[in-house]
Amino acid sequence: MSTEELTYSQALEELRSIHARLSAPDVDVDKLLEDVTRASVLLDFCQRRITAVGEQLEEVLQDFDS
Protein backbone atom coordinates (compact mmCIF):
# COMPACT_ATOMS: atom_id res chain seq x y z
CA MET A 1 0.00 0.00 0.00
CA SER A 2 1.30 3.42 -0.94
CA THR A 3 1.80 5.91 1.88
CA GLU A 4 -0.50 8.27 -0.03
CA GLU A 5 -3.35 5.90 0.84
CA LEU A 6 -2.43 5.58 4.54
CA THR A 7 -3.53 7.41 7.62
CA TYR A 8 -1.03 8.06 10.37
CA SER A 9 -2.69 5.38 12.52
CA GLN A 10 -2.45 2.79 9.75
CA ALA A 11 1.23 3.60 9.19
CA LEU A 12 1.91 3.30 12.91
CA GLU A 13 0.13 -0.06 13.06
CA GLU A 14 2.15 -1.33 10.11
CA LEU A 15 5.35 -0.17 11.82
CA ARG A 16 4.36 -2.08 14.95
CA SER A 17 3.78 -5.18 12.86
CA ILE A 18 7.17 -4.83 11.19
CA HIS A 19 8.81 -4.29 14.57
CA ALA A 20 7.23 -7.47 15.90
CA ARG A 21 8.50 -9.45 12.91
CA LEU A 22 12.00 -8.01 13.23
CA SER A 23 12.06 -8.67 16.97
CA ALA A 24 11.07 -12.31 16.61
CA PRO A 25 13.79 -14.85 17.30
CA ASP A 26 13.08 -16.52 13.96
CA VAL A 27 13.23 -13.39 11.78
CA ASP A 28 12.75 -14.17 8.10
CA VAL A 29 16.06 -13.15 6.56
CA ASP A 30 14.55 -13.26 3.08
CA LYS A 31 12.01 -10.60 4.08
CA LEU A 32 14.40 -8.55 6.24
CA LEU A 33 15.45 -6.01 3.61
CA GLU A 34 11.85 -5.54 2.45
CA ASP A 35 10.67 -4.93 6.03
CA VAL A 36 13.47 -2.49 6.85
CA THR A 37 12.91 -0.58 3.60
CA ARG A 38 9.17 -0.35 4.23
CA ALA A 39 9.78 0.74 7.82
CA SER A 40 12.02 3.53 6.56
CA VAL A 41 9.30 4.76 4.19
CA LEU A 42 6.68 4.60 6.95
CA LEU A 43 8.88 6.44 9.44
CA ASP A 44 9.46 9.21 6.92
CA PHE A 45 5.70 9.42 6.27
CA CYS A 46 4.93 9.61 10.00
CA GLN A 47 7.57 12.26 10.61
CA ARG A 48 6.25 14.41 7.75
CA ARG A 49 2.68 13.98 8.99
CA ILE A 50 3.58 14.97 12.56
CA THR A 51 5.44 18.04 11.27
CA ALA A 52 2.51 19.06 9.07
CA VAL A 53 -0.01 18.67 11.89
CA GLY A 54 2.27 20.62 14.24
CA GLU A 55 2.45 23.48 11.75
CA GLN A 56 -1.33 23.45 11.30
CA LEU A 57 -1.83 23.49 15.08
CA GLU A 58 0.48 26.48 15.40
CA GLU A 59 -1.57 28.35 12.80
CA VAL A 60 -4.85 27.53 14.55
CA LEU A 61 -3.46 28.56 17.93
CA GLN A 62 -2.10 31.81 16.52
CA ASP A 63 -5.52 32.59 15.05
CA PHE A 64 -7.08 31.71 18.40
CA ASP A 65 -4.76 34.08 20.28
CA SER A 66 -5.55 36.96 17.90
PDB file of N, CA and C in Angstrom:
ATOM      1  N   MET A   1       0.854  -1.183   0.000  1.00  0.00           N
ATOM      2  CA  MET A   1       0.000   0.000   0.000  1.00  0.00           C
ATOM      3  C   MET A   1       0.893   1.237   0.000  1.00  0.00           C
ATOM      4  N   SER A   2       0.577   2.163  -0.845  1.00  0.00           N
ATOM      5  CA  SER A   2       1.300   3.423  -0.935  1.00  0.00           C
ATOM      6  C   SER A   2       1.035   4.267   0.314  1.00  0.00           C
ATOM      7  N   THR A   3       2.024   5.053   0.723  1.00  0.00           N
ATOM      8  CA  THR A   3       1.800   5.913   1.884  1.00  0.00           C
ATOM      9  C   THR A   3       0.756   6.983   1.600  1.00  0.00           C
ATOM     10  N   GLU A   4       0.523   7.294   0.325  1.00  0.00           N
ATOM     11  CA  GLU A   4      -0.504   8.272  -0.031  1.00  0.00           C
ATOM     12  C   GLU A   4      -1.892   7.781   0.367  1.00  0.00           C
ATOM     13  N   GLU A   5      -2.050   6.483   0.507  1.00  0.00           N
ATOM     14  CA  GLU A   5      -3.348   5.896   0.839  1.00  0.00           C
ATOM     15  C   GLU A   5      -3.484   5.622   2.337  1.00  0.00           C
ATOM     16  N   LEU A   6      -2.443   5.922   3.119  1.00  0.00           N
ATOM     17  CA  LEU A   6      -2.434   5.584   4.538  1.00  0.00           C
ATOM     18  C   LEU A   6      -2.822   6.758   5.420  1.00  0.00           C
ATOM     19  N   THR A   7      -3.387   6.429   6.553  1.00  0.00           N
ATOM     20  CA  THR A   7      -3.526   7.407   7.618  1.00  0.00           C
ATOM     21  C   THR A   7      -2.323   7.219   8.541  1.00  0.00           C
ATOM     22  N   TYR A   8      -2.119   8.166   9.403  1.00  0.00           N
ATOM     23  CA  TYR A   8      -1.029   8.062  10.373  1.00  0.00           C
ATOM     24  C   TYR A   8      -1.208   6.799  11.225  1.00  0.00           C
ATOM     25  N   SER A   9      -2.420   6.553  11.665  1.00  0.00           N
ATOM     26  CA  SER A   9      -2.691   5.380  12.516  1.00  0.00           C
ATOM     27  C   SER A   9      -2.392   4.069  11.789  1.00  0.00           C
ATOM     28  N   GLN A  10      -2.737   4.004  10.525  1.00  0.00           N
ATOM     29  CA  GLN A  10      -2.447   2.793   9.749  1.00  0.00           C
ATOM     30  C   GLN A  10      -0.936   2.599   9.581  1.00  0.00           C
ATOM     31  N   ALA A  11      -0.229   3.683   9.332  1.00  0.00           N
ATOM     32  CA  ALA A  11       1.230   3.596   9.192  1.00  0.00           C
ATOM     33  C   ALA A  11       1.862   3.139  10.492  1.00  0.00           C
ATOM     34  N   LEU A  12       1.391   3.678  11.602  1.00  0.00           N
ATOM     35  CA  LEU A  12       1.913   3.295  12.905  1.00  0.00           C
ATOM     36  C   LEU A  12       1.641   1.819  13.193  1.00  0.00           C
ATOM     37  N   GLU A  13       0.466   1.357  12.856  1.00  0.00           N
ATOM     38  CA  GLU A  13       0.127  -0.056  13.061  1.00  0.00           C
ATOM     39  C   GLU A  13       1.022  -0.953  12.203  1.00  0.00           C
ATOM     40  N   GLU A  14       1.264  -0.549  10.968  1.00  0.00           N
ATOM     41  CA  GLU A  14       2.150  -1.335  10.111  1.00  0.00           C
ATOM     42  C   GLU A  14       3.574  -1.347  10.670  1.00  0.00           C
ATOM     43  N   LEU A  15       4.024  -0.222  11.197  1.00  0.00           N
ATOM     44  CA  LEU A  15       5.349  -0.170  11.818  1.00  0.00           C
ATOM     45  C   LEU A  15       5.431  -1.112  13.015  1.00  0.00           C
ATOM     46  N   ARG A  16       4.385  -1.156  13.802  1.00  0.00           N
ATOM     47  CA  ARG A  16       4.355  -2.077  14.951  1.00  0.00           C
ATOM     48  C   ARG A  16       4.431  -3.530  14.490  1.00  0.00           C
ATOM     49  N   SER A  17       3.753  -3.826  13.405  1.00  0.00           N
ATOM     50  CA  SER A  17       3.779  -5.177  12.860  1.00  0.00           C
ATOM     51  C   SER A  17       5.181  -5.537  12.357  1.00  0.00           C
ATOM     52  N   ILE A  18       5.811  -4.600  11.670  1.00  0.00           N
ATOM     53  CA  ILE A  18       7.173  -4.827  11.187  1.00  0.00           C
ATOM     54  C   ILE A  18       8.119  -5.009  12.367  1.00  0.00           C
ATOM     55  N   HIS A  19       7.969  -4.187  13.379  1.00  0.00           N
ATOM     56  CA  HIS A  19       8.810  -4.293  14.573  1.00  0.00           C
ATOM     57  C   HIS A  19       8.677  -5.667  15.221  1.00  0.00           C
ATOM     58  N   ALA A  20       7.455  -6.144  15.304  1.00  0.00           N
ATOM     59  CA  ALA A  20       7.232  -7.467  15.896  1.00  0.00           C
ATOM     60  C   ALA A  20       7.930  -8.552  15.077  1.00  0.00           C
ATOM     61  N   ARG A  21       7.836  -8.456  13.759  1.00  0.00           N
ATOM     62  CA  ARG A  21       8.504  -9.453  12.909  1.00  0.00           C
ATOM     63  C   ARG A  21      10.022  -9.391  13.064  1.00  0.00           C
ATOM     64  N   LEU A  22      10.551  -8.169  13.114  1.00  0.00           N
ATOM     65  CA  LEU A  22      12.001  -8.013  13.225  1.00  0.00           C
ATOM     66  C   LEU A  22      12.522  -8.384  14.610  1.00  0.00           C
ATOM     67  N   SER A  23      11.668  -8.333  15.606  1.00  0.00           N
ATOM     68  CA  SER A  23      12.058  -8.671  16.970  1.00  0.00           C
ATOM     69  C   SER A  23      11.939 -10.157  17.266  1.00  0.00           C
ATOM     70  N   ALA A  24      11.284 -10.872  16.391  1.00  0.00           N
ATOM     71  CA  ALA A  24      11.072 -12.306  16.607  1.00  0.00           C
ATOM     72  C   ALA A  24      12.406 -13.054  16.530  1.00  0.00           C
ATOM     73  N   PRO A  25      12.541 -14.086  17.329  1.00  0.00           N
ATOM     74  CA  PRO A  25      13.790 -14.854  17.299  1.00  0.00           C
ATOM     75  C   PRO A  25      14.017 -15.567  15.970  1.00  0.00           C
ATOM     76  N   ASP A  26      12.963 -15.809  15.239  1.00  0.00           N
ATOM     77  CA  ASP A  26      13.078 -16.525  13.963  1.00  0.00           C
ATOM     78  C   ASP A  26      12.804 -15.578  12.786  1.00  0.00           C
ATOM     79  N   VAL A  27      13.452 -14.403  12.821  1.00  0.00           N
ATOM     80  CA  VAL A  27      13.234 -13.392  11.780  1.00  0.00           C
ATOM     81  C   VAL A  27      13.513 -13.994  10.400  1.00  0.00           C
ATOM     82  N   ASP A  28      12.639 -13.665   9.473  1.00  0.00           N
ATOM     83  CA  ASP A  28      12.747 -14.165   8.102  1.00  0.00           C
ATOM     84  C   ASP A  28      13.782 -13.330   7.354  1.00  0.00           C
ATOM     85  N   VAL A  29      14.965 -13.875   7.190  1.00  0.00           N
ATOM     86  CA  VAL A  29      16.061 -13.155   6.556  1.00  0.00           C
ATOM     87  C   VAL A  29      15.706 -12.768   5.130  1.00  0.00           C
ATOM     88  N   ASP A  30      14.933 -13.568   4.456  1.00  0.00           N
ATOM     89  CA  ASP A  30      14.550 -13.264   3.079  1.00  0.00           C
ATOM     90  C   ASP A  30      13.631 -12.043   2.990  1.00  0.00           C
ATOM     91  N   LYS A  31      12.939 -11.735   4.062  1.00  0.00           N
ATOM     92  CA  LYS A  31      12.014 -10.604   4.084  1.00  0.00           C
ATOM     93  C   LYS A  31      12.616  -9.399   4.828  1.00  0.00           C
ATOM     94  N   LEU A  32      13.785  -9.575   5.409  1.00  0.00           N
ATOM     95  CA  LEU A  32      14.405  -8.554   6.242  1.00  0.00           C
ATOM     96  C   LEU A  32      14.590  -7.224   5.505  1.00  0.00           C
ATOM     97  N   LEU A  33      15.204  -7.241   4.356  1.00  0.00           N
ATOM     98  CA  LEU A  33      15.448  -6.006   3.612  1.00  0.00           C
ATOM     99  C   LEU A  33      14.140  -5.317   3.232  1.00  0.00           C
ATOM    100  N   GLU A  34      13.166  -6.103   2.808  1.00  0.00           N
ATOM    101  CA  GLU A  34      11.854  -5.543   2.452  1.00  0.00           C
ATOM    102  C   GLU A  34      11.215  -4.858   3.658  1.00  0.00           C
ATOM    103  N   ASP A  35      11.267  -5.506   4.823  1.00  0.00           N
ATOM    104  CA  ASP A  35      10.675  -4.935   6.034  1.00  0.00           C
ATOM    105  C   ASP A  35      11.397  -3.660   6.464  1.00  0.00           C
ATOM    106  N   VAL A  36      12.711  -3.666   6.433  1.00  0.00           N
ATOM    107  CA  VAL A  36      13.472  -2.492   6.853  1.00  0.00           C
ATOM    108  C   VAL A  36      13.236  -1.332   5.886  1.00  0.00           C
ATOM    109  N   THR A  37      13.187  -1.618   4.604  1.00  0.00           N
ATOM    110  CA  THR A  37      12.915  -0.579   3.605  1.00  0.00           C
ATOM    111  C   THR A  37      11.525   0.012   3.803  1.00  0.00           C
ATOM    112  N   ARG A  38      10.541  -0.831   4.005  1.00  0.00           N
ATOM    113  CA  ARG A  38       9.167  -0.351   4.228  1.00  0.00           C
ATOM    114  C   ARG A  38       9.090   0.462   5.518  1.00  0.00           C
ATOM    115  N   ALA A  39       9.774   0.007   6.562  1.00  0.00           N
ATOM    116  CA  ALA A  39       9.779   0.743   7.824  1.00  0.00           C
ATOM    117  C   ALA A  39      10.369   2.136   7.628  1.00  0.00           C
ATOM    118  N   SER A  40      11.408   2.242   6.837  1.00  0.00           N
ATOM    119  CA  SER A  40      12.024   3.532   6.560  1.00  0.00           C
ATOM    120  C   SER A  40      11.039   4.475   5.875  1.00  0.00           C
ATOM    121  N   VAL A  41      10.306   3.966   4.905  1.00  0.00           N
ATOM    122  CA  VAL A  41       9.298   4.763   4.195  1.00  0.00           C
ATOM    123  C   VAL A  41       8.197   5.200   5.162  1.00  0.00           C
ATOM    124  N   LEU A  42       7.752   4.288   6.003  1.00  0.00           N
ATOM    125  CA  LEU A  42       6.684   4.599   6.946  1.00  0.00           C
ATOM    126  C   LEU A  42       7.133   5.612   7.990  1.00  0.00           C
ATOM    127  N   LEU A  43       8.366   5.485   8.469  1.00  0.00           N
ATOM    128  CA  LEU A  43       8.885   6.436   9.441  1.00  0.00           C
ATOM    129  C   LEU A  43       8.962   7.839   8.846  1.00  0.00           C
ATOM    130  N   ASP A  44       9.398   7.920   7.607  1.00  0.00           N
ATOM    131  CA  ASP A  44       9.457   9.212   6.921  1.00  0.00           C
ATOM    132  C   ASP A  44       8.058   9.805   6.786  1.00  0.00           C
ATOM    133  N   PHE A  45       7.092   8.975   6.397  1.00  0.00           N
ATOM    134  CA  PHE A  45       5.705   9.424   6.274  1.00  0.00           C
ATOM    135  C   PHE A  45       5.188   9.955   7.610  1.00  0.00           C
ATOM    136  N   CYS A  46       5.419   9.210   8.678  1.00  0.00           N
ATOM    137  CA  CYS A  46       4.931   9.608  10.004  1.00  0.00           C
ATOM    138  C   CYS A  46       5.582  10.916  10.452  1.00  0.00           C
ATOM    139  N   GLN A  47       6.867  11.041  10.228  1.00  0.00           N
ATOM    140  CA  GLN A  47       7.566  12.261  10.610  1.00  0.00           C
ATOM    141  C   GLN A  47       7.027  13.473   9.847  1.00  0.00           C
ATOM    142  N   ARG A  48       6.814  13.316   8.542  1.00  0.00           N
ATOM    143  CA  ARG A  48       6.255  14.412   7.747  1.00  0.00           C
ATOM    144  C   ARG A  48       4.845  14.759   8.205  1.00  0.00           C
ATOM    145  N   ARG A  49       4.066  13.742   8.542  1.00  0.00           N
ATOM    146  CA  ARG A  49       2.682  13.978   8.990  1.00  0.00           C
ATOM    147  C   ARG A  49       2.655  14.718  10.320  1.00  0.00           C
ATOM    148  N   ILE A  50       3.514  14.314  11.252  1.00  0.00           N
ATOM    149  CA  ILE A  50       3.580  14.974  12.555  1.00  0.00           C
ATOM    150  C   ILE A  50       4.005  16.428  12.380  1.00  0.00           C
ATOM    151  N   THR A  51       4.986  16.670  11.529  1.00  0.00           N
ATOM    152  CA  THR A  51       5.441  18.037  11.267  1.00  0.00           C
ATOM    153  C   THR A  51       4.313  18.878  10.680  1.00  0.00           C
ATOM    154  N   ALA A  52       3.600  18.337   9.707  1.00  0.00           N
ATOM    155  CA  ALA A  52       2.505  19.065   9.072  1.00  0.00           C
ATOM    156  C   ALA A  52       1.403  19.390  10.070  1.00  0.00           C
ATOM    157  N   VAL A  53       1.045  18.435  10.902  1.00  0.00           N
ATOM    158  CA  VAL A  53      -0.005  18.669  11.889  1.00  0.00           C
ATOM    159  C   VAL A  53       0.457  19.703  12.913  1.00  0.00           C
ATOM    160  N   GLY A  54       1.721  19.630  13.310  1.00  0.00           N
ATOM    161  CA  GLY A  54       2.265  20.621  14.238  1.00  0.00           C
ATOM    162  C   GLY A  54       2.186  22.026  13.675  1.00  0.00           C
ATOM    163  N   GLU A  55       2.525  22.173  12.403  1.00  0.00           N
ATOM    164  CA  GLU A  55       2.449  23.485  11.749  1.00  0.00           C
ATOM    165  C   GLU A  55       1.008  23.975  11.680  1.00  0.00           C
ATOM    166  N   GLN A  56       0.087  23.073  11.377  1.00  0.00           N
ATOM    167  CA  GLN A  56      -1.331  23.452  11.304  1.00  0.00           C
ATOM    168  C   GLN A  56      -1.843  23.865  12.679  1.00  0.00           C
ATOM    169  N   LEU A  57      -1.411  23.144  13.717  1.00  0.00           N
ATOM    170  CA  LEU A  57      -1.831  23.494  15.080  1.00  0.00           C
ATOM    171  C   LEU A  57      -1.308  24.871  15.474  1.00  0.00           C
ATOM    172  N   GLU A  58      -0.074  25.157  15.109  1.00  0.00           N
ATOM    173  CA  GLU A  58       0.480  26.475  15.404  1.00  0.00           C
ATOM    174  C   GLU A  58      -0.343  27.577  14.748  1.00  0.00           C
ATOM    175  N   GLU A  59      -0.753  27.368  13.505  1.00  0.00           N
ATOM    176  CA  GLU A  59      -1.574  28.353  12.802  1.00  0.00           C
ATOM    177  C   GLU A  59      -2.914  28.542  13.496  1.00  0.00           C
ATOM    178  N   VAL A  60      -3.548  27.446  13.878  1.00  0.00           N
ATOM    179  CA  VAL A  60      -4.847  27.532  14.550  1.00  0.00           C
ATOM    180  C   VAL A  60      -4.698  28.251  15.885  1.00  0.00           C
ATOM    181  N   LEU A  61      -3.648  27.919  16.632  1.00  0.00           N
ATOM    182  CA  LEU A  61      -3.456  28.559  17.935  1.00  0.00           C
ATOM    183  C   LEU A  61      -3.121  30.036  17.791  1.00  0.00           C
ATOM    184  N   GLN A  62      -2.388  30.401  16.757  1.00  0.00           N
ATOM    185  CA  GLN A  62      -2.101  31.814  16.522  1.00  0.00           C
ATOM    186  C   GLN A  62      -3.381  32.567  16.200  1.00  0.00           C
ATOM    187  N   ASP A  63      -4.237  31.965  15.377  1.00  0.00           N
ATOM    188  CA  ASP A  63      -5.521  32.588  15.054  1.00  0.00           C
ATOM    189  C   ASP A  63      -6.385  32.718  16.311  1.00  0.00           C
ATOM    190  N   PHE A  64      -6.301  31.713  17.175  1.00  0.00           N
ATOM    191  CA  PHE A  64      -7.082  31.708  18.399  1.00  0.00           C
ATOM    192  C   PHE A  64      -6.628  32.820  19.342  1.00  0.00           C
ATOM    193  N   ASP A  65      -5.320  33.043  19.399  1.00  0.00           N
ATOM    194  CA  ASP A  65      -4.764  34.076  20.275  1.00  0.00           C
ATOM    195  C   ASP A  65      -5.056  35.474  19.765  1.00  0.00           C
ATOM    196  N   SER A  66      -5.325  35.612  18.487  1.00  0.00           N
ATOM    197  CA  SER A  66      -5.550  36.960  17.902  1.00  0.00           C
ATOM    198  C   SER A  66      -6.883  37.543  18.285  1.00  0.00           C
TER     199      SER A  66
END
